Amino acid sequence: MDSIVTAVIEKFRQRSEFGKAKYGTDLDRKDLSILEWIVHAQEEHMDAILYLEKLRTELARTLPVTTPTGDLPDALGR
């Protein structure tokens, strides 16, 4: 197993312990419906999009390369 996989597994382990300590439960809980699990996942992904937009905005302020509209270029440099 490479160092990146090992590091990610360790982060998952730490996150699981943190969640159990903070919320007193884990993903084995039985009190949520499938729809409630989906809502939780949607909310987490919405947060992730916000974090990515924050980082993209910060990079746009510091990187000299932008598109004609002032946006950051995509992964292909367009």
PDB file of N, CA and C in Angstrom:
ATOM      1  N   MET A   1       0.855  -1.176   0.000  1.00  0.00           N
ATOM      2  CA  MET A   1       0.000   0.000   0.000  1.00  0.00           C
ATOM      3  C   MET A   1       0.899   1.236   0.000  1.00  0.00           C
ATOM      4  N   ASP A   2       0.556   2.211  -0.870  1.00  0.00           N
ATOM      5  CA  ASP A   2       1.411   3.394  -0.955  1.00  0.00           C
ATOM      6  C   ASP A   2       1.098   4.386   0.176  1.00  0.00           C
ATOM      7  N   SER A   3       1.943   5.384   0.296  1.00  0.00           N
ATOM      8  CA  SER A   3       1.837   6.329   1.408  1.00  0.00           C
ATOM      9  C   SER A   3       0.564   7.168   1.338  1.00  0.00           C
ATOM     10  N   ILE A   4       0.082   7.464   0.152  1.00  0.00           N
ATOM     11  CA  ILE A   4      -1.134   8.263   0.025  1.00  0.00           C
ATOM     12  C   ILE A   4      -2.337   7.475   0.527  1.00  0.00           C
ATOM     13  N   VAL A   5      -2.460   6.227   0.099  1.00  0.00           N
ATOM     14  CA  VAL A   5      -3.560   5.373   0.555  1.00  0.00           C
ATOM     15  C   VAL A   5      -3.497   5.210   2.068  1.00  0.00           C
ATOM     16  N   THR A   6      -2.323   4.976   2.592  1.00  0.00           N
ATOM     17  CA  THR A   6      -2.142   4.827   4.034  1.00  0.00           C
ATOM     18  C   THR A   6      -2.589   6.088   4.770  1.00  0.00           C
ATOM     19  N   ALA A   7      -2.205   7.249   4.249  1.00  0.00           N
ATOM     20  CA  ALA A   7      -2.578   8.515   4.888  1.00  0.00           C
ATOM     21  C   ALA A   7      -4.089   8.731   4.853  1.00  0.00           C
ATOM     22  N   VAL A   8      -4.732   8.391   3.738  1.00  0.00           N
ATOM     23  CA  VAL A   8      -6.179   8.564   3.627  1.00  0.00           C
ATOM     24  C   VAL A   8      -6.902   7.617   4.580  1.00  0.00           C
ATOM     25  N   ILE A   9      -6.453   6.389   4.668  1.00  0.00           N
ATOM     26  CA  ILE A   9      -7.059   5.431   5.599  1.00  0.00           C
ATOM     27  C   ILE A   9      -6.945   5.943   7.031  1.00  0.00           C
ATOM     28  N   GLU A  10      -5.797   6.496   7.383  1.00  0.00           N
ATOM     29  CA  GLU A  10      -5.610   7.044   8.726  1.00  0.00           C
ATOM     30  C   GLU A  10      -6.549   8.220   8.966  1.00  0.00           C
ATOM     31  N   LYS A  11      -6.737   9.061   7.964  1.00  0.00           N
ATOM     32  CA  LYS A  11      -7.658  10.181   8.113  1.00  0.00           C
ATOM     33  C   LYS A  11      -9.090   9.689   8.305  1.00  0.00           C
ATOM     34  N   PHE A  12      -9.484   8.639   7.572  1.00  0.00           N
ATOM     35  CA  PHE A  12     -10.809   8.051   7.767  1.00  0.00           C
ATOM     36  C   PHE A  12     -10.961   7.525   9.189  1.00  0.00           C
ATOM     37  N   ARG A  13      -9.936   6.864   9.689  1.00  0.00           N
ATOM     38  CA  ARG A  13      -9.988   6.324  11.049  1.00  0.00           C
ATOM     39  C   ARG A  13     -10.150   7.449  12.069  1.00  0.00           C
ATOM     40  N   GLN A  14      -9.349   8.511  11.909  1.00  0.00           N
ATOM     41  CA  GLN A  14      -9.428   9.646  12.821  1.00  0.00           C
ATOM     42  C   GLN A  14     -10.787  10.332  12.742  1.00  0.00           C
ATOM     43  N   ARG A  15     -11.304  10.477  11.519  1.00  0.00           N
ATOM     44  CA  ARG A  15     -12.602  11.116  11.335  1.00  0.00           C
ATOM     45  C   ARG A  15     -13.710  10.303  11.993  1.00  0.00           C
ATOM     46  N   SER A  16     -13.620   8.983  11.889  1.00  0.00           N
ATOM     47  CA  SER A  16     -14.604   8.112  12.516  1.00  0.00           C
ATOM     48  C   SER A  16     -14.582   8.274  14.032  1.00  0.00           C
ATOM     49  N   GLU A  17     -13.392   8.292  14.608  1.00  0.00           N
ATOM     50  CA  GLU A  17     -13.262   8.471  16.052  1.00  0.00           C
ATOM     51  C   GLU A  17     -13.790   9.834  16.482  1.00  0.00           C
ATOM     52  N   PHE A  18     -13.482  10.875  15.710  1.00  0.00           N
ATOM     53  CA  PHE A  18     -13.952  12.227  16.016  1.00  0.00           C
ATOM     54  C   PHE A  18     -15.480  12.268  15.993  1.00  0.00           C
ATOM     55  N   GLY A  19     -16.091  11.711  14.952  1.00  0.00           N
ATOM     56  CA  GLY A  19     -17.544  11.701  14.838  1.00  0.00           C
ATOM     57  C   GLY A  19     -18.210  10.954  15.970  1.00  0.00           C
ATOM     58  N   LYS A  20     -17.647   9.827  16.332  1.00  0.00           N
ATOM     59  CA  LYS A  20     -18.199   9.033  17.439  1.00  0.00           C
ATOM     60  C   LYS A  20     -18.141   9.821  18.738  1.00  0.00           C
ATOM     61  N   ALA A  21     -17.017  10.504  18.990  1.00  0.00           N
ATOM     62  CA  ALA A  21     -16.876  11.301  20.203  1.00  0.00           C
ATOM     63  C   ALA A  21     -17.800  12.520  20.193  1.00  0.00           C
ATOM     64  N   LYS A  22     -17.917  13.182  19.057  1.00  0.00           N
ATOM     65  CA  LYS A  22     -18.713  14.401  18.973  1.00  0.00           C
ATOM     66  C   LYS A  22     -20.210  14.120  18.971  1.00  0.00           C
ATOM     67  N   TYR A  23     -20.639  13.132  18.191  1.00  0.00           N
ATOM     68  CA  TYR A  23     -22.071  12.891  18.003  1.00  0.00           C
ATOM     69  C   TYR A  23     -22.594  11.687  18.784  1.00  0.00           C
ATOM     70  N   GLY A  24     -21.688  10.889  19.349  1.00  0.00           N
ATOM     71  CA  GLY A  24     -22.112   9.740  20.132  1.00  0.00           C
ATOM     72  C   GLY A  24     -22.678   8.600  19.306  1.00  0.00           C
ATOM     73  N   THR A  25     -22.410   8.611  18.012  1.00  0.00           N
ATOM     74  CA  THR A  25     -22.905   7.553  17.132  1.00  0.00           C
ATOM     75  C   THR A  25     -21.962   7.420  15.942  1.00  0.00           C
ATOM     76  N   ASP A  26     -22.247   6.450  15.096  1.00  0.00           N
ATOM     77  CA  ASP A  26     -21.426   6.256  13.908  1.00  0.00           C
ATOM     78  C   ASP A  26     -22.324   5.849  12.740  1.00  0.00           C
ATOM     79  N   LEU A  27     -21.751   5.432  11.651  1.00  0.00           N
ATOM     80  CA  LEU A  27     -22.529   5.100  10.460  1.00  0.00           C
ATOM     81  C   LEU A  27     -23.308   3.798  10.585  1.00  0.00           C
ATOM     82  N   ASP A  28     -23.118   3.079  11.663  1.00  0.00           N
ATOM     83  CA  ASP A  28     -23.912   1.882  11.912  1.00  0.00           C
ATOM     84  C   ASP A  28     -25.261   2.205  12.546  1.00  0.00           C
ATOM     85  N   ARG A  29     -25.536   3.473  12.761  1.00  0.00           N
ATOM     86  CA  ARG A  29     -26.793   3.877  13.390  1.00  0.00           C
ATOM     87  C   ARG A  29     -27.976   3.439  12.536  1.00  0.00           C
ATOM     88  N   LYS A  30     -29.103   3.209  13.184  1.00  0.00           N
ATOM     89  CA  LYS A  30     -30.298   2.695  12.512  1.00  0.00           C
ATOM     90  C   LYS A  30     -31.475   3.672  12.577  1.00  0.00           C
ATOM     91  N   ASP A  31     -31.241   4.884  13.083  1.00  0.00           N
ATOM     92  CA  ASP A  31     -32.349   5.811  13.309  1.00  0.00           C
ATOM     93  C   ASP A  31     -32.659   6.723  12.126  1.00  0.00           C
ATOM     94  N   LEU A  32     -31.921   6.617  11.033  1.00  0.00           N
ATOM     95  CA  LEU A  32     -32.172   7.454   9.868  1.00  0.00           C
ATOM     96  C   LEU A  32     -32.716   6.621   8.716  1.00  0.00           C
ATOM     97  N   SER A  33     -33.637   7.214   7.982  1.00  0.00           N
ATOM     98  CA  SER A  33     -34.168   6.549   6.791  1.00  0.00           C
ATOM     99  C   SER A  33     -33.183   6.735   5.629  1.00  0.00           C
ATOM    100  N   ILE A  34     -33.425   6.027   4.559  1.00  0.00           N
ATOM    101  CA  ILE A  34     -32.588   6.182   3.368  1.00  0.00           C
ATOM    102  C   ILE A  34     -32.641   7.624   2.884  1.00  0.00           C
ATOM    103  N   LEU A  35     -33.821   8.222   2.886  1.00  0.00           N
ATOM    104  CA  LEU A  35     -33.934   9.616   2.447  1.00  0.00           C
ATOM    105  C   LEU A  35     -33.159  10.566   3.359  1.00  0.00           C
ATOM    106  N   GLU A  36     -33.168  10.300   4.642  1.00  0.00           N
ATOM    107  CA  GLU A  36     -32.394  11.144   5.562  1.00  0.00           C
ATOM    108  C   GLU A  36     -30.899  10.996   5.311  1.00  0.00           C
ATOM    109  N   TRP A  37     -30.439   9.782   4.997  1.00  0.00           N
ATOM    110  CA  TRP A  37     -29.031   9.588   4.649  1.00  0.00           C
ATOM    111  C   TRP A  37     -28.690  10.371   3.382  1.00  0.00           C
ATOM    112  N   ILE A  38     -29.609  10.365   2.418  1.00  0.00           N
ATOM    113  CA  ILE A  38     -29.377  11.108   1.180  1.00  0.00           C
ATOM    114  C   ILE A  38     -29.282  12.606   1.467  1.00  0.00           C
ATOM    115  N   VAL A  39     -30.149  13.124   2.312  1.00  0.00           N
ATOM    116  CA  VAL A  39     -30.091  14.542   2.676  1.00  0.00           C
ATOM    117  C   VAL A  39     -28.758  14.869   3.341  1.00  0.00           C
ATOM    118  N   HIS A  40     -28.310  14.024   4.255  1.00  0.00           N
ATOM    119  CA  HIS A  40     -27.000  14.234   4.894  1.00  0.00           C
ATOM    120  C   HIS A  40     -25.893  14.295   3.842  1.00  0.00           C
ATOM    121  N   ALA A  41     -25.912  13.362   2.904  1.00  0.00           N
ATOM    122  CA  ALA A  41     -24.888  13.338   1.855  1.00  0.00           C
ATOM    123  C   ALA A  41     -24.967  14.587   0.991  1.00  0.00           C
ATOM    124  N   GLN A  42     -26.178  15.012   0.642  1.00  0.00           N
ATOM    125  CA  GLN A  42     -26.332  16.235  -0.153  1.00  0.00           C
ATOM    126  C   GLN A  42     -25.762  17.440   0.594  1.00  0.00           C
ATOM    127  N   GLU A  43     -26.062  17.554   1.867  1.00  0.00           N
ATOM    128  CA  GLU A  43     -25.567  18.678   2.659  1.00  0.00           C
ATOM    129  C   GLU A  43     -24.049  18.675   2.738  1.00  0.00           C
ATOM    130  N   GLU A  44     -23.468  17.499   2.919  1.00  0.00           N
ATOM    131  CA  GLU A  44     -22.006  17.400   2.964  1.00  0.00           C
ATOM    132  C   GLU A  44     -21.389  17.815   1.627  1.00  0.00           C
ATOM    133  N   HIS A  45     -21.998  17.392   0.531  1.00  0.00           N
ATOM    134  CA  HIS A  45     -21.477  17.750  -0.793  1.00  0.00           C
ATOM    135  C   HIS A  45     -21.677  19.236  -1.086  1.00  0.00           C
ATOM    136  N   MET A  46     -22.765  19.802  -0.606  1.00  0.00           N
ATOM    137  CA  MET A  46     -22.964  21.241  -0.770  1.00  0.00           C
ATOM    138  C   MET A  46     -21.869  22.011  -0.036  1.00  0.00           C
ATOM    139  N   ASP A  47     -21.533  21.566   1.168  1.00  0.00           N
ATOM    140  CA  ASP A  47     -20.431  22.185   1.904  1.00  0.00           C
ATOM    141  C   ASP A  47     -19.131  22.060   1.126  1.00  0.00           C
ATOM    142  N   ALA A  48     -18.886  20.890   0.555  1.00  0.00           N
ATOM    143  CA  ALA A  48     -17.649  20.675  -0.203  1.00  0.00           C
ATOM    144  C   ALA A  48     -17.565  21.631  -1.392  1.00  0.00           C
ATOM    145  N   ILE A  49     -18.680  21.846  -2.081  1.00  0.00           N
ATOM    146  CA  ILE A  49     -18.702  22.786  -3.200  1.00  0.00           C
ATOM    147  C   ILE A  49     -18.364  24.191  -2.716  1.00  0.00           C
ATOM    148  N   LEU A  50     -18.893  24.581  -1.567  1.00  0.00           N
ATOM    149  CA  LEU A  50     -18.578  25.900  -1.020  1.00  0.00           C
ATOM    150  C   LEU A  50     -17.088  26.029  -0.703  1.00  0.00           C
ATOM    151  N   TYR A  51     -16.506  24.989  -0.121  1.00  0.00           N
ATOM    152  CA  TYR A  51     -15.079  25.023   0.191  1.00  0.00           C
ATOM    153  C   TYR A  51     -14.257  25.141  -1.095  1.00  0.00           C
ATOM    154  N   LEU A  52     -14.638  24.394  -2.128  1.00  0.00           N
ATOM    155  CA  LEU A  52     -13.923  24.463  -3.403  1.00  0.00           C
ATOM    156  C   LEU A  52     -14.046  25.844  -4.038  1.00  0.00           C
ATOM    157  N   GLU A  53     -15.221  26.435  -3.970  1.00  0.00           N
ATOM    158  CA  GLU A  53     -15.413  27.779  -4.528  1.00  0.00           C
ATOM    159  C   GLU A  53     -14.576  28.799  -3.772  1.00  0.00           C
ATOM    160  N   LYS A  54     -14.504  28.659  -2.457  1.00  0.00           N
ATOM    161  CA  LYS A  54     -13.653  29.545  -1.654  1.00  0.00           C
ATOM    162  C   LYS A  54     -12.203  29.441  -2.109  1.00  0.00           C
ATOM    163  N   LEU A  55     -11.708  28.212  -2.280  1.00  0.00           N
ATOM    164  CA  LEU A  55     -10.326  28.013  -2.708  1.00  0.00           C
ATOM    165  C   LEU A  55     -10.104  28.535  -4.124  1.00  0.00           C
ATOM    166  N   ARG A  56     -11.083  28.301  -5.025  1.00  0.00           N
ATOM    167  CA  ARG A  56     -10.967  28.786  -6.398  1.00  0.00           C
ATOM    168  C   ARG A  56     -10.901  30.314  -6.414  1.00  0.00           C
ATOM    169  N   THR A  57     -11.715  30.956  -5.579  1.00  0.00           N
ATOM    170  CA  THR A  57     -11.719  32.406  -5.488  1.00  0.00           C
ATOM    171  C   THR A  57     -10.383  32.930  -4.981  1.00  0.00           C
ATOM    172  N   GLU A  58      -9.848  32.262  -3.966  1.00  0.00           N
ATOM    173  CA  GLU A  58      -8.543  32.681  -3.438  1.00  0.00           C
ATOM    174  C   GLU A  58      -7.449  32.526  -4.493  1.00  0.00           C
ATOM    175  N   LEU A  59      -7.471  31.407  -5.223  1.00  0.00           N
ATOM    176  CA  LEU A  59      -6.482  31.216  -6.281  1.00  0.00           C
ATOM    177  C   LEU A  59      -6.629  32.264  -7.375  1.00  0.00           C
ATOM    178  N   ALA A  60      -7.859  32.615  -7.711  1.00  0.00           N
ATOM    179  CA  ALA A  60      -8.102  33.612  -8.759  1.00  0.00           C
ATOM    180  C   ALA A  60      -7.504  34.959  -8.379  1.00  0.00           C
ATOM    181  N   ARG A  61      -7.456  35.238  -7.099  1.00  0.00           N
ATOM    182  CA  ARG A  61      -6.870  36.503  -6.646  1.00  0.00           C
ATOM    183  C   ARG A  61      -5.353  36.516  -6.755  1.00  0.00           C
ATOM    184  N   THR A  62      -4.734  35.331  -6.732  1.00  0.00           N
ATOM    185  CA  THR A  62      -3.274  35.278  -6.683  1.00  0.00           C
ATOM    186  C   THR A  62      -2.624  34.805  -7.977  1.00  0.00           C
ATOM    187  N   LEU A  63      -3.402  34.088  -8.814  1.00  0.00           N
ATOM    188  CA  LEU A  63      -2.827  33.588 -10.058  1.00  0.00           C
ATOM    189  C   LEU A  63      -2.941  34.631 -11.163  1.00  0.00           C
ATOM    190  N   PRO A  64      -1.871  34.841 -11.916  1.00  0.00           N
ATOM    191  CA  PRO A  64      -1.924  35.853 -12.973  1.00  0.00           C
ATOM    192  C   PRO A  64      -2.699  35.408 -14.219  1.00  0.00           C
ATOM    193  N   VAL A  65      -2.896  34.108 -14.395  1.00  0.00           N
ATOM    194  CA  VAL A  65      -3.533  33.588 -15.600  1.00  0.00           C
ATOM    195  C   VAL A  65      -5.033  33.512 -15.391  1.00  0.00           C
ATOM    196  N   THR A  66      -5.788  34.239 -16.229  1.00  0.00           N
ATOM    197  CA  THR A  66      -7.242  34.172 -16.180  1.00  0.00           C
ATOM    198  C   THR A  66      -7.786  34.129 -17.597  1.00  0.00           C
ATOM    199  N   THR A  67      -9.046  33.828 -17.712  1.00  0.00           N
ATOM    200  CA  THR A  67      -9.717  33.848 -19.008  1.00  0.00           C
ATOM    201  C   THR A  67     -10.152  35.288 -19.295  1.00  0.00           C
ATOM    202  N   PRO A  68     -10.645  35.567 -20.518  1.00  0.00           N
ATOM    203  CA  PRO A  68     -11.113  36.929 -20.821  1.00  0.00           C
ATOM    204  C   PRO A  68     -12.224  37.415 -19.893  1.00  0.00           C
ATOM    205  N   THR A  69     -12.971  36.501 -19.277  1.00  0.00           N
ATOM    206  CA  THR A  69     -14.033  36.902 -18.361  1.00  0.00           C
ATOM    207  C   THR A  69     -13.530  37.094 -16.935  1.00  0.00           C
ATOM    208  N   GLY A  70     -12.248  36.832 -16.712  1.00  0.00           N
ATOM    209  CA  GLY A  70     -11.676  36.986 -15.384  1.00  0.00           C
ATOM    210  C   GLY A  70     -11.753  35.744 -14.531  1.00  0.00           C
ATOM    211  N   ASP A  71     -12.293  34.667 -15.089  1.00  0.00           N
ATOM    212  CA  ASP A  71     -12.383  33.409 -14.354  1.00  0.00           C
ATOM    213  C   ASP A  71     -11.074  32.646 -14.451  1.00  0.00           C
ATOM    214  N   LEU A  72     -10.900  31.718 -13.522  1.00  0.00           N
ATOM    215  CA  LEU A  72      -9.760  30.815 -13.623  1.00  0.00           C
ATOM    216  C   LEU A  72      -9.958  29.903 -14.813  1.00  0.00           C
ATOM    217  N   PRO A  73      -8.902  29.561 -15.525  1.00  0.00           N
ATOM    218  CA  PRO A  73      -9.050  28.587 -16.593  1.00  0.00           C
ATOM    219  C   PRO A  73      -9.391  27.224 -16.009  1.00  0.00           C
ATOM    220  N   ASP A  74     -10.073  26.393 -16.816  1.00  0.00           N
ATOM    221  CA  ASP A  74     -10.372  25.051 -16.342  1.00  0.00           C
ATOM    222  C   ASP A  74      -9.116  24.193 -16.427  1.00  0.00           C
ATOM    223  N   ALA A  75      -9.260  22.901 -16.145  1.00  0.00           N
ATOM    224  CA  ALA A  75      -8.098  21.999 -16.081  1.00  0.00           C
ATOM    225  C   ALA A  75      -7.372  21.907 -17.421  1.00  0.00           C
ATOM    226  N   LEU A  76      -8.049  22.234 -18.520  1.00  0.00           N
ATOM    227  CA  LEU A  76      -7.413  22.182 -19.830  1.00  0.00           C
ATOM    228  C   LEU A  76      -6.782  23.499 -20.215  1.00  0.00           C
ATOM    229  N   GLY A  77      -6.841  24.496 -19.318  1.00  0.00           N
ATOM    230  CA  GLY A  77      -6.219  25.775 -19.599  1.00  0.00           C
ATOM    231  C   GLY A  77      -7.072  26.701 -20.445  1.00  0.00           C
ATOM    232  N   ARG A  78      -8.369  26.374 -20.581  1.00  0.00           N
ATOM    233  CA  ARG A  78      -9.242  27.233 -21.396  1.00  0.00           C
ATOM    234  C   ARG A  78      -9.842  28.342 -20.563  1.00  0.00           C
TER     235      ARG A  78
END
